[in-house]
Amino acid sequence: MTQKTTAVLLAAGAGTRLGRGPKALLPYRGGTLAQHAAAVLLAGGCSEVVVVLGSGAAEVRAAGLPAGCRAMDNPRWAEGMGTSFAAGVAAALAPAGGAGPDNQPTPDNVLVALVDQPGMGSELVARLIAVHKEGRITAAGFRSDDGGLVRGHPVLFDADLAAQAAATASGDAGARIFLRGHPELVDLVDCSDLSDGADVDTPAQLHLLD
């Protein structure tokens, strides 16, 4: 039976270190970075994308998002990414419309992605979904300069584990605390042939948007 995967796209940050306004609104490939990331997640096999907004939320909504996206505001976004992670997972596990026979079932898995990783492509997302095992966590891994495999994003959670990880989120730590505490649950998948896993944090990394 095909499992349903809902993506949570963390897109609430103000991009303070970058100095170009909210990262979700950065121009990329004829649209915004949020539009691009959401489209990639849907093309990679996610049935829905919950886009967690904070800074510039009204502008992101006005710019538009692909069909299949559900935008939500995190009023606590300034407290750190942990609040956006927890809010996004809660929304993903409680589909719009509430309970009832006419509403979408809750997902089997939740894939968490960052809006500021332009190198994330649909093939990478599809790879994680294809190899994911029930009751596990599947994370994209990227080779470091010394050749080691380093955990990055996206990260695909079994729904129950996503809820557990969200319960531990705090400050700027999204799933980090849970993942470090439960390494035995994590399957690391080498995605270095598809991306370097870099994100756009500082002006020196703006070349990633070229």
N, C-alpha and C. Protein backbone atom coordinates (compact mmCIF):
# COMPACT_ATOMS: atom_id res chain seq x y z
N MET A 1 0.84 -1.19 0.00
CA MET A 1 0.00 0.00 0.00
C MET A 1 0.88 1.25 0.00
N THR A 2 0.56 2.20 -0.87
CA THR A 2 1.34 3.43 -0.96
C THR A 2 1.11 4.28 0.29
N GLN A 3 2.20 4.72 0.87
CA GLN A 3 2.09 5.55 2.06
C GLN A 3 1.99 7.02 1.68
N LYS A 4 1.25 7.76 2.49
CA LYS A 4 1.08 9.19 2.26
C LYS A 4 2.15 9.97 3.02
N THR A 5 2.83 10.84 2.30
CA THR A 5 3.85 11.70 2.90
C THR A 5 3.44 13.15 2.78
N THR A 6 3.35 13.82 3.91
CA THR A 6 3.09 15.26 3.93
C THR A 6 4.40 15.97 4.24
N ALA A 7 4.71 17.00 3.49
CA ALA A 7 5.93 17.77 3.74
C ALA A 7 5.63 18.97 4.63
N VAL A 8 6.59 19.31 5.47
CA VAL A 8 6.55 20.54 6.24
C VAL A 8 7.72 21.39 5.76
N LEU A 9 7.41 22.53 5.16
CA LEU A 9 8.43 23.43 4.64
C LEU A 9 8.61 24.58 5.63
N LEU A 10 9.76 24.64 6.26
CA LEU A 10 10.04 25.68 7.25
C LEU A 10 10.48 26.94 6.52
N ALA A 11 9.62 27.96 6.53
CA ALA A 11 9.84 29.17 5.73
C ALA A 11 9.51 30.44 6.52
N ALA A 12 9.76 30.40 7.83
CA ALA A 12 9.31 31.50 8.69
C ALA A 12 10.39 32.53 9.00
N GLY A 13 11.65 32.20 8.75
CA GLY A 13 12.74 33.06 9.20
C GLY A 13 12.82 34.41 8.52
N ALA A 14 13.46 35.36 9.23
CA ALA A 14 13.58 36.73 8.71
C ALA A 14 14.82 36.91 7.85
N GLY A 15 15.72 35.93 7.83
CA GLY A 15 16.93 36.05 7.02
C GLY A 15 17.84 37.18 7.49
N THR A 16 17.95 37.36 8.80
CA THR A 16 18.70 38.48 9.36
C THR A 16 20.16 38.48 8.92
N ARG A 17 20.82 37.32 8.99
CA ARG A 17 22.23 37.25 8.62
C ARG A 17 22.44 37.52 7.13
N LEU A 18 21.45 37.18 6.34
CA LEU A 18 21.56 37.37 4.90
C LEU A 18 21.35 38.84 4.51
N GLY A 19 20.46 39.51 5.25
CA GLY A 19 20.23 40.92 5.00
C GLY A 19 19.44 41.24 3.75
N ARG A 20 18.66 40.27 3.27
CA ARG A 20 17.85 40.47 2.06
C ARG A 20 16.36 40.28 2.32
N GLY A 21 15.95 40.36 3.58
CA GLY A 21 14.55 40.11 3.92
C GLY A 21 14.29 38.62 4.08
N PRO A 22 13.04 38.23 4.29
CA PRO A 22 12.70 36.82 4.50
C PRO A 22 13.21 35.93 3.37
N LYS A 23 13.84 34.82 3.72
CA LYS A 23 14.38 33.93 2.70
C LYS A 23 13.29 33.37 1.78
N ALA A 24 12.11 33.16 2.33
CA ALA A 24 11.02 32.60 1.52
C ALA A 24 10.71 33.45 0.31
N LEU A 25 11.04 34.76 0.37
CA LEU A 25 10.73 35.67 -0.72
C LEU A 25 11.89 35.93 -1.67
N LEU A 26 13.04 35.31 -1.42
CA LEU A 26 14.18 35.51 -2.32
C LEU A 26 13.82 35.05 -3.73
N PRO A 27 14.18 35.84 -4.75
CA PRO A 27 13.87 35.43 -6.12
C PRO A 27 14.71 34.24 -6.56
N TYR A 28 14.06 33.27 -7.20
CA TYR A 28 14.79 32.09 -7.66
C TYR A 28 14.02 31.44 -8.80
N ARG A 29 14.67 31.29 -9.93
CA ARG A 29 14.12 30.61 -11.10
C ARG A 29 12.73 31.13 -11.50
N GLY A 30 12.60 32.43 -11.52
CA GLY A 30 11.37 33.04 -12.00
C GLY A 30 10.26 33.15 -10.97
N GLY A 31 10.54 32.79 -9.74
CA GLY A 31 9.53 32.90 -8.69
C GLY A 31 10.22 33.18 -7.37
N THR A 32 9.62 32.76 -6.28
CA THR A 32 10.24 32.91 -4.97
C THR A 32 10.84 31.58 -4.54
N LEU A 33 11.73 31.65 -3.57
CA LEU A 33 12.35 30.43 -3.06
C LEU A 33 11.31 29.51 -2.44
N ALA A 34 10.29 30.10 -1.80
CA ALA A 34 9.22 29.29 -1.21
C ALA A 34 8.43 28.55 -2.29
N GLN A 35 8.12 29.23 -3.38
CA GLN A 35 7.40 28.59 -4.49
C GLN A 35 8.21 27.43 -5.07
N HIS A 36 9.51 27.68 -5.26
CA HIS A 36 10.37 26.64 -5.82
C HIS A 36 10.44 25.42 -4.91
N ALA A 37 10.71 25.64 -3.61
CA ALA A 37 10.85 24.52 -2.68
C ALA A 37 9.55 23.72 -2.58
N ALA A 38 8.43 24.41 -2.53
CA ALA A 38 7.14 23.71 -2.43
C ALA A 38 6.88 22.87 -3.68
N ALA A 39 7.20 23.41 -4.84
CA ALA A 39 7.00 22.67 -6.08
C ALA A 39 7.88 21.44 -6.13
N VAL A 40 9.11 21.56 -5.66
CA VAL A 40 10.03 20.43 -5.63
C VAL A 40 9.49 19.31 -4.73
N LEU A 41 8.98 19.67 -3.58
CA LEU A 41 8.45 18.68 -2.64
C LEU A 41 7.26 17.93 -3.24
N LEU A 42 6.40 18.66 -3.91
CA LEU A 42 5.24 18.02 -4.55
C LEU A 42 5.67 17.12 -5.70
N ALA A 43 6.61 17.61 -6.51
CA ALA A 43 7.09 16.82 -7.65
C ALA A 43 7.83 15.57 -7.19
N GLY A 44 8.43 15.63 -6.00
CA GLY A 44 9.17 14.50 -5.47
C GLY A 44 8.32 13.41 -4.86
N GLY A 45 7.01 13.67 -4.72
CA GLY A 45 6.11 12.62 -4.23
C GLY A 45 5.34 12.94 -2.97
N CYS A 46 5.49 14.16 -2.44
CA CYS A 46 4.70 14.54 -1.26
C CYS A 46 3.28 14.87 -1.70
N SER A 47 2.31 14.42 -0.95
CA SER A 47 0.91 14.63 -1.32
C SER A 47 0.42 16.02 -0.95
N GLU A 48 1.08 16.66 -0.02
CA GLU A 48 0.69 17.99 0.45
C GLU A 48 1.92 18.64 1.05
N VAL A 49 1.96 19.98 1.01
CA VAL A 49 3.05 20.72 1.65
C VAL A 49 2.45 21.73 2.62
N VAL A 50 2.81 21.61 3.88
CA VAL A 50 2.44 22.60 4.89
C VAL A 50 3.58 23.61 4.95
N VAL A 51 3.31 24.83 4.55
CA VAL A 51 4.33 25.88 4.52
C VAL A 51 4.18 26.73 5.78
N VAL A 52 5.20 26.68 6.63
CA VAL A 52 5.14 27.41 7.90
C VAL A 52 5.73 28.80 7.70
N LEU A 53 4.90 29.82 7.90
CA LEU A 53 5.29 31.20 7.64
C LEU A 53 5.45 31.99 8.94
N GLY A 54 6.24 33.04 8.85
CA GLY A 54 6.45 33.93 10.00
C GLY A 54 6.75 35.32 9.49
N SER A 55 8.03 35.66 9.37
CA SER A 55 8.42 36.95 8.81
C SER A 55 7.97 37.04 7.35
N GLY A 56 7.32 38.14 7.01
CA GLY A 56 6.86 38.35 5.64
C GLY A 56 5.73 37.43 5.22
N ALA A 57 4.98 36.91 6.18
CA ALA A 57 3.94 35.93 5.85
C ALA A 57 2.94 36.47 4.84
N ALA A 58 2.50 37.71 5.01
CA ALA A 58 1.51 38.27 4.09
C ALA A 58 2.06 38.36 2.67
N GLU A 59 3.34 38.72 2.55
CA GLU A 59 3.96 38.83 1.24
C GLU A 59 4.12 37.46 0.57
N VAL A 60 4.46 36.45 1.37
CA VAL A 60 4.59 35.10 0.81
C VAL A 60 3.24 34.61 0.30
N ARG A 61 2.20 34.86 1.08
CA ARG A 61 0.85 34.47 0.64
C ARG A 61 0.46 35.21 -0.63
N ALA A 62 0.76 36.50 -0.68
CA ALA A 62 0.39 37.31 -1.84
C ALA A 62 1.13 36.84 -3.09
N ALA A 63 2.37 36.39 -2.93
CA ALA A 63 3.15 35.92 -4.07
C ALA A 63 2.58 34.61 -4.62
N GLY A 64 1.90 33.86 -3.76
CA GLY A 64 1.27 32.62 -4.17
C GLY A 64 2.14 31.40 -3.93
N LEU A 65 1.48 30.27 -3.81
CA LEU A 65 2.14 28.98 -3.63
C LEU A 65 1.45 27.97 -4.55
N PRO A 66 2.16 26.90 -4.93
CA PRO A 66 1.56 25.92 -5.83
C PRO A 66 0.33 25.25 -5.22
N ALA A 67 -0.55 24.76 -6.09
CA ALA A 67 -1.68 23.96 -5.61
C ALA A 67 -1.13 22.75 -4.87
N GLY A 68 -1.79 22.41 -3.78
CA GLY A 68 -1.30 21.32 -2.95
C GLY A 68 -0.57 21.80 -1.72
N CYS A 69 -0.50 23.14 -1.56
CA CYS A 69 0.15 23.73 -0.39
C CYS A 69 -0.89 24.27 0.58
N ARG A 70 -0.55 24.19 1.84
CA ARG A 70 -1.39 24.76 2.90
C ARG A 70 -0.51 25.66 3.75
N ALA A 71 -0.67 26.98 3.60
CA ALA A 71 0.14 27.92 4.36
C ALA A 71 -0.43 28.12 5.75
N MET A 72 0.46 28.21 6.73
CA MET A 72 0.03 28.48 8.10
C MET A 72 1.02 29.46 8.74
N ASP A 73 0.49 30.31 9.60
CA ASP A 73 1.33 31.28 10.29
C ASP A 73 1.77 30.72 11.64
N ASN A 74 3.03 30.94 11.97
CA ASN A 74 3.54 30.60 13.29
C ASN A 74 3.76 31.92 14.04
N PRO A 75 2.87 32.29 14.94
CA PRO A 75 3.01 33.55 15.64
C PRO A 75 4.25 33.61 16.53
N ARG A 76 4.86 32.45 16.79
CA ARG A 76 6.04 32.40 17.66
C ARG A 76 7.33 32.21 16.87
N TRP A 77 7.30 32.52 15.58
CA TRP A 77 8.45 32.23 14.72
C TRP A 77 9.74 32.86 15.22
N ALA A 78 9.64 34.07 15.82
CA ALA A 78 10.84 34.78 16.25
C ALA A 78 11.55 34.09 17.41
N GLU A 79 10.89 33.14 18.07
CA GLU A 79 11.51 32.42 19.18
C GLU A 79 12.50 31.36 18.70
N GLY A 80 12.48 31.06 17.41
CA GLY A 80 13.41 30.07 16.88
C GLY A 80 12.73 29.03 16.03
N MET A 81 13.55 28.30 15.26
CA MET A 81 13.02 27.32 14.32
C MET A 81 12.25 26.20 15.01
N GLY A 82 12.58 25.94 16.26
CA GLY A 82 11.90 24.86 16.98
C GLY A 82 10.40 25.05 17.03
N THR A 83 9.95 26.29 17.19
CA THR A 83 8.51 26.54 17.24
C THR A 83 7.85 26.29 15.89
N SER A 84 8.57 26.63 14.82
CA SER A 84 8.03 26.40 13.47
C SER A 84 7.97 24.91 13.16
N PHE A 85 9.00 24.18 13.58
CA PHE A 85 9.01 22.73 13.39
C PHE A 85 7.83 22.09 14.11
N ALA A 86 7.63 22.46 15.38
CA ALA A 86 6.54 21.88 16.16
C ALA A 86 5.18 22.24 15.58
N ALA A 87 5.02 23.50 15.18
CA ALA A 87 3.74 23.94 14.62
C ALA A 87 3.46 23.26 13.28
N GLY A 88 4.49 23.11 12.47
CA GLY A 88 4.32 22.49 11.16
C GLY A 88 3.96 21.02 11.27
N VAL A 89 4.62 20.31 12.17
CA VAL A 89 4.31 18.89 12.36
C VAL A 89 2.89 18.72 12.88
N ALA A 90 2.50 19.57 13.84
CA ALA A 90 1.13 19.49 14.37
C ALA A 90 0.11 19.71 13.26
N ALA A 91 0.36 20.67 12.38
CA ALA A 91 -0.56 20.93 11.27
C ALA A 91 -0.57 19.78 10.28
N ALA A 92 0.60 19.20 10.02
CA ALA A 92 0.68 18.08 9.08
C ALA A 92 -0.09 16.87 9.57
N LEU A 93 -0.09 16.67 10.87
CA LEU A 93 -0.76 15.50 11.45
C LEU A 93 -2.24 15.76 11.73
N ALA A 94 -2.69 16.98 11.50
CA ALA A 94 -4.11 17.33 11.66
C ALA A 94 -4.56 18.05 10.40
N PRO A 95 -4.81 17.32 9.31
CA PRO A 95 -5.14 17.94 8.02
C PRO A 95 -6.28 18.95 8.12
N ALA A 96 -6.24 19.94 7.25
CA ALA A 96 -7.27 20.97 7.23
C ALA A 96 -8.64 20.34 7.07
N GLY A 97 -9.60 20.85 7.82
CA GLY A 97 -10.96 20.34 7.72
C GLY A 97 -11.36 19.47 8.90
N GLY A 98 -10.34 19.06 9.69
CA GLY A 98 -10.66 18.25 10.86
C GLY A 98 -11.02 16.82 10.50
N ALA A 99 -11.54 16.11 11.47
CA ALA A 99 -11.86 14.70 11.28
C ALA A 99 -13.19 14.56 10.54
N GLY A 100 -13.29 13.48 9.80
CA GLY A 100 -14.54 13.25 9.08
C GLY A 100 -14.30 12.45 7.83
N PRO A 101 -15.31 11.78 7.31
CA PRO A 101 -15.13 10.90 6.16
C PRO A 101 -14.75 11.63 4.88
N ASP A 102 -15.04 12.92 4.78
CA ASP A 102 -14.75 13.65 3.55
C ASP A 102 -13.38 14.32 3.56
N ASN A 103 -12.65 14.18 4.66
CA ASN A 103 -11.37 14.86 4.78
C ASN A 103 -10.21 13.91 4.52
N GLN A 104 -9.06 14.49 4.21
CA GLN A 104 -7.88 13.70 3.91
C GLN A 104 -7.42 12.94 5.15
N PRO A 105 -6.96 11.70 4.98
CA PRO A 105 -6.45 10.97 6.13
C PRO A 105 -5.13 11.57 6.61
N THR A 106 -4.80 11.33 7.85
CA THR A 106 -3.52 11.81 8.36
C THR A 106 -2.40 11.07 7.64
N PRO A 107 -1.25 11.71 7.49
CA PRO A 107 -0.16 11.09 6.73
C PRO A 107 0.51 9.95 7.49
N ASP A 108 1.13 9.06 6.74
CA ASP A 108 1.94 8.01 7.34
C ASP A 108 3.31 8.56 7.73
N ASN A 109 3.78 9.52 6.94
CA ASN A 109 5.11 10.09 7.14
C ASN A 109 5.07 11.60 7.00
N VAL A 110 6.04 12.24 7.64
CA VAL A 110 6.19 13.70 7.55
C VAL A 110 7.63 14.00 7.13
N LEU A 111 7.77 14.71 6.02
CA LEU A 111 9.09 15.10 5.52
C LEU A 111 9.32 16.56 5.84
N VAL A 112 10.40 16.87 6.53
CA VAL A 112 10.70 18.24 6.94
C VAL A 112 11.82 18.80 6.08
N ALA A 113 11.55 19.95 5.46
CA ALA A 113 12.52 20.58 4.57
C ALA A 113 12.69 22.05 4.92
N LEU A 114 13.82 22.61 4.52
CA LEU A 114 14.14 24.01 4.76
C LEU A 114 13.97 24.82 3.47
N VAL A 115 13.44 26.02 3.59
CA VAL A 115 13.17 26.82 2.40
C VAL A 115 14.45 27.34 1.75
N ASP A 116 15.55 27.39 2.53
CA ASP A 116 16.76 28.05 2.03
C ASP A 116 17.78 27.09 1.43
N GLN A 117 17.32 25.94 0.93
CA GLN A 117 18.22 24.99 0.28
C GLN A 117 17.85 24.84 -1.20
N PRO A 118 18.32 25.75 -2.04
CA PRO A 118 17.94 25.70 -3.46
C PRO A 118 18.44 24.46 -4.17
N GLY A 119 19.43 23.77 -3.60
CA GLY A 119 19.94 22.57 -4.23
C GLY A 119 19.06 21.34 -4.04
N MET A 120 18.03 21.45 -3.22
CA MET A 120 17.10 20.33 -3.02
C MET A 120 16.26 20.17 -4.28
N GLY A 121 16.34 19.00 -4.91
CA GLY A 121 15.56 18.73 -6.11
C GLY A 121 14.54 17.63 -5.88
N SER A 122 13.66 17.47 -6.82
CA SER A 122 12.60 16.47 -6.68
C SER A 122 13.17 15.05 -6.64
N GLU A 123 14.29 14.82 -7.31
CA GLU A 123 14.89 13.48 -7.31
C GLU A 123 15.39 13.11 -5.92
N LEU A 124 15.92 14.10 -5.21
CA LEU A 124 16.38 13.87 -3.84
C LEU A 124 15.20 13.51 -2.94
N VAL A 125 14.13 14.27 -3.05
CA VAL A 125 12.93 14.00 -2.25
C VAL A 125 12.39 12.61 -2.56
N ALA A 126 12.33 12.27 -3.84
CA ALA A 126 11.82 10.96 -4.25
C ALA A 126 12.69 9.82 -3.72
N ARG A 127 13.99 10.06 -3.67
CA ARG A 127 14.90 9.03 -3.16
C ARG A 127 14.61 8.72 -1.68
N LEU A 128 14.44 9.75 -0.89
CA LEU A 128 14.16 9.54 0.54
C LEU A 128 12.85 8.78 0.73
N ILE A 129 11.83 9.17 -0.03
CA ILE A 129 10.53 8.51 0.09
C ILE A 129 10.62 7.06 -0.34
N ALA A 130 11.39 6.78 -1.39
CA ALA A 130 11.48 5.42 -1.94
C ALA A 130 12.16 4.45 -0.98
N VAL A 131 13.17 4.92 -0.25
CA VAL A 131 13.94 4.00 0.61
C VAL A 131 13.46 4.00 2.06
N HIS A 132 12.54 4.89 2.39
CA HIS A 132 12.08 5.01 3.78
C HIS A 132 11.41 3.73 4.27
N LYS A 133 11.73 3.36 5.51
CA LYS A 133 11.15 2.17 6.13
C LYS A 133 10.18 2.59 7.23
N GLU A 134 9.09 1.85 7.34
CA GLU A 134 8.08 2.14 8.35
C GLU A 134 8.70 2.14 9.74
N GLY A 135 8.30 3.12 10.54
CA GLY A 135 8.79 3.20 11.91
C GLY A 135 10.21 3.73 12.04
N ARG A 136 10.72 4.35 10.95
CA ARG A 136 12.09 4.83 10.95
C ARG A 136 12.15 6.32 10.60
N ILE A 137 13.35 6.87 10.64
CA ILE A 137 13.63 8.23 10.21
C ILE A 137 14.67 8.14 9.10
N THR A 138 14.41 8.79 7.98
CA THR A 138 15.32 8.75 6.84
C THR A 138 15.82 10.16 6.56
N ALA A 139 17.13 10.35 6.65
CA ALA A 139 17.71 11.68 6.48
C ALA A 139 18.66 11.73 5.31
N ALA A 140 18.64 12.86 4.60
CA ALA A 140 19.59 13.07 3.52
C ALA A 140 20.98 13.29 4.12
N GLY A 141 21.98 12.64 3.53
CA GLY A 141 23.35 12.82 3.97
C GLY A 141 24.20 13.39 2.86
N PHE A 142 25.19 14.21 3.23
CA PHE A 142 26.04 14.85 2.24
C PHE A 142 27.50 14.71 2.67
N ARG A 143 28.39 14.50 1.71
CA ARG A 143 29.80 14.29 2.00
C ARG A 143 30.46 15.60 2.45
N SER A 144 31.22 15.50 3.54
CA SER A 144 31.98 16.65 4.02
C SER A 144 33.35 16.66 3.33
N ASP A 145 34.15 17.66 3.64
CA ASP A 145 35.46 17.79 3.01
C ASP A 145 36.36 16.60 3.31
N ASP A 146 36.16 15.98 4.48
CA ASP A 146 36.99 14.82 4.84
C ASP A 146 36.41 13.50 4.34
N GLY A 147 35.31 13.58 3.58
CA GLY A 147 34.73 12.38 3.00
C GLY A 147 33.66 11.71 3.83
N GLY A 148 33.46 12.19 5.05
CA GLY A 148 32.43 11.61 5.91
C GLY A 148 31.04 12.03 5.48
N LEU A 149 30.05 11.25 5.87
CA LEU A 149 28.66 11.53 5.52
C LEU A 149 28.00 12.28 6.68
N VAL A 150 27.53 13.49 6.39
CA VAL A 150 26.96 14.36 7.41
C VAL A 150 25.46 14.49 7.20
N ARG A 151 24.69 14.32 8.29
CA ARG A 151 23.24 14.43 8.19
C ARG A 151 22.83 15.86 7.87
N GLY A 152 21.87 15.99 6.92
CA GLY A 152 21.34 17.29 6.56
C GLY A 152 19.83 17.21 6.39
N HIS A 153 19.30 18.05 5.51
CA HIS A 153 17.87 18.07 5.21
C HIS A 153 17.65 17.79 3.73
N PRO A 154 16.48 17.27 3.39
CA PRO A 154 15.30 16.99 4.21
C PRO A 154 15.47 15.77 5.12
N VAL A 155 14.54 15.67 6.07
CA VAL A 155 14.47 14.51 6.97
C VAL A 155 13.04 13.98 6.94
N LEU A 156 12.91 12.67 6.73
CA LEU A 156 11.59 12.03 6.61
C LEU A 156 11.33 11.20 7.85
N PHE A 157 10.25 11.52 8.54
CA PHE A 157 9.88 10.87 9.79
C PHE A 157 8.65 9.99 9.63
N ASP A 158 8.65 8.84 10.26
CA ASP A 158 7.40 8.15 10.52
C ASP A 158 6.52 9.12 11.32
N ALA A 159 5.22 9.12 11.09
CA ALA A 159 4.35 10.12 11.71
C ALA A 159 4.46 10.14 13.24
N ASP A 160 4.50 8.97 13.87
CA ASP A 160 4.60 8.93 15.33
C ASP A 160 5.91 9.53 15.81
N LEU A 161 6.99 9.26 15.07
CA LEU A 161 8.29 9.79 15.46
C LEU A 161 8.36 11.30 15.22
N ALA A 162 7.66 11.77 14.20
CA ALA A 162 7.60 13.22 13.97
C ALA A 162 6.95 13.92 15.15
N ALA A 163 5.89 13.33 15.67
CA ALA A 163 5.21 13.92 16.83
C ALA A 163 6.12 13.91 18.05
N GLN A 164 6.87 12.83 18.23
CA GLN A 164 7.80 12.75 19.36
C GLN A 164 8.91 13.79 19.22
N ALA A 165 9.43 13.95 18.00
CA ALA A 165 10.49 14.93 17.77
C ALA A 165 9.97 16.34 18.01
N ALA A 166 8.74 16.62 17.58
CA ALA A 166 8.16 17.95 17.76
C ALA A 166 8.01 18.29 19.24
N ALA A 167 7.76 17.28 20.05
CA ALA A 167 7.58 17.51 21.49
C ALA A 167 8.88 17.93 22.16
N THR A 168 10.02 17.64 21.52
CA THR A 168 11.31 18.00 22.12
C THR A 168 11.89 19.28 21.52
N ALA A 169 11.23 19.84 20.51
CA ALA A 169 11.77 21.02 19.82
C ALA A 169 11.83 22.22 20.76
N SER A 170 12.93 22.97 20.66
CA SER A 170 13.12 24.12 21.54
C SER A 170 14.06 25.12 20.89
N GLY A 171 13.75 26.41 20.98
CA GLY A 171 14.64 27.43 20.45
C GLY A 171 14.92 27.22 18.97
N ASP A 172 16.19 27.25 18.63
CA ASP A 172 16.59 27.05 17.24
C ASP A 172 16.79 25.58 16.90
N ALA A 173 16.55 24.71 17.85
CA ALA A 173 16.69 23.26 17.62
C ALA A 173 15.34 22.69 17.23
N GLY A 174 15.22 22.28 15.97
CA GLY A 174 13.99 21.64 15.52
C GLY A 174 13.98 20.20 15.99
N ALA A 175 14.39 19.29 15.10
CA ALA A 175 14.43 17.87 15.46
C ALA A 175 15.79 17.46 16.01
N ARG A 176 16.73 18.39 16.07
CA ARG A 176 18.11 18.04 16.42
C ARG A 176 18.22 17.27 17.73
N ILE A 177 17.50 17.72 18.75
CA ILE A 177 17.61 17.08 20.06
C ILE A 177 17.13 15.63 19.99
N PHE A 178 16.02 15.42 19.33
CA PHE A 178 15.47 14.07 19.22
C PHE A 178 16.38 13.18 18.39
N LEU A 179 16.89 13.70 17.27
CA LEU A 179 17.73 12.90 16.39
C LEU A 179 19.03 12.50 17.08
N ARG A 180 19.62 13.41 17.82
CA ARG A 180 20.86 13.09 18.53
C ARG A 180 20.62 12.09 19.66
N GLY A 181 19.41 12.13 20.21
CA GLY A 181 19.09 11.21 21.30
C GLY A 181 18.69 9.83 20.83
N HIS A 182 18.36 9.69 19.54
CA HIS A 182 17.90 8.41 19.01
C HIS A 182 18.59 8.07 17.69
N PRO A 183 19.91 7.98 17.69
CA PRO A 183 20.63 7.69 16.44
C PRO A 183 20.28 6.32 15.86
N GLU A 184 19.82 5.41 16.72
CA GLU A 184 19.48 4.07 16.24
C GLU A 184 18.25 4.04 15.33
N LEU A 185 17.49 5.14 15.31
CA LEU A 185 16.28 5.21 14.49
C LEU A 185 16.53 5.84 13.12
N VAL A 186 17.73 6.38 12.93
CA VAL A 186 18.00 7.19 11.74
C VAL A 186 18.75 6.41 10.67
N ASP A 187 18.18 6.39 9.47
CA ASP A 187 18.85 5.83 8.29
C ASP A 187 19.36 7.01 7.45
N LEU A 188 20.68 7.08 7.29
CA LEU A 188 21.29 8.17 6.54
C LEU A 188 21.48 7.74 5.08
N VAL A 189 20.96 8.53 4.17
CA VAL A 189 21.00 8.20 2.74
C VAL A 189 21.90 9.18 2.02
N ASP A 190 22.92 8.68 1.37
CA ASP A 190 23.88 9.53 0.65
C ASP A 190 23.18 10.19 -0.55
N CYS A 191 23.10 11.52 -0.51
CA CYS A 191 22.50 12.28 -1.61
C CYS A 191 23.51 13.23 -2.24
N SER A 192 24.79 12.96 -2.01
CA SER A 192 25.84 13.85 -2.49
C SER A 192 25.89 13.96 -4.00
N ASP A 193 25.37 12.95 -4.70
CA ASP A 193 25.36 13.01 -6.16
C ASP A 193 24.27 13.95 -6.68
N LEU A 194 23.37 14.37 -5.79
CA LEU A 194 22.26 15.22 -6.20
C LEU A 194 22.38 16.66 -5.68
N SER A 195 23.08 16.84 -4.57
CA SER A 195 23.18 18.15 -3.95
C SER A 195 24.33 18.15 -2.94
N ASP A 196 24.80 19.35 -2.59
CA ASP A 196 25.79 19.44 -1.51
C ASP A 196 25.13 19.78 -0.18
N GLY A 197 23.81 19.96 -0.19
CA GLY A 197 23.08 20.23 1.05
C GLY A 197 23.26 21.62 1.61
N ALA A 198 23.88 22.52 0.84
CA ALA A 198 24.15 23.86 1.35
C ALA A 198 22.88 24.70 1.44
N ASP A 199 22.86 25.59 2.43
CA ASP A 199 21.75 26.52 2.55
C ASP A 199 22.26 27.95 2.40
N VAL A 200 21.35 28.87 2.17
CA VAL A 200 21.68 30.28 1.94
C VAL A 200 21.51 31.02 3.26
N ASP A 201 22.63 31.22 3.96
CA ASP A 201 22.59 31.86 5.27
C ASP A 201 23.21 33.24 5.29
N THR A 202 24.27 33.43 4.50
CA THR A 202 25.02 34.68 4.52
C THR A 202 25.18 35.22 3.10
N PRO A 203 25.56 36.50 2.95
CA PRO A 203 25.76 37.06 1.62
C PRO A 203 26.76 36.26 0.78
N ALA A 204 27.72 35.61 1.43
CA ALA A 204 28.72 34.83 0.70
C ALA A 204 28.09 33.62 0.00
N GLN A 205 26.90 33.24 0.43
CA GLN A 205 26.23 32.07 -0.16
C GLN A 205 25.15 32.44 -1.17
N LEU A 206 25.03 33.71 -1.49
CA LEU A 206 24.02 34.13 -2.46
C LEU A 206 24.26 33.54 -3.85
N HIS A 207 25.49 33.12 -4.11
CA HIS A 207 25.78 32.51 -5.42
C HIS A 207 24.96 31.24 -5.63
N LEU A 208 24.45 30.63 -4.55
CA LEU A 208 23.63 29.41 -4.67
C LEU A 208 22.32 29.71 -5.38
N LEU A 209 21.95 30.96 -5.47
CA LEU A 209 20.70 31.34 -6.12
C LEU A 209 20.89 31.71 -7.58
N ASP A 210 22.12 31.62 -8.08
CA ASP A 210 22.39 31.95 -9.48
C ASP A 210 21.83 30.89 -10.41
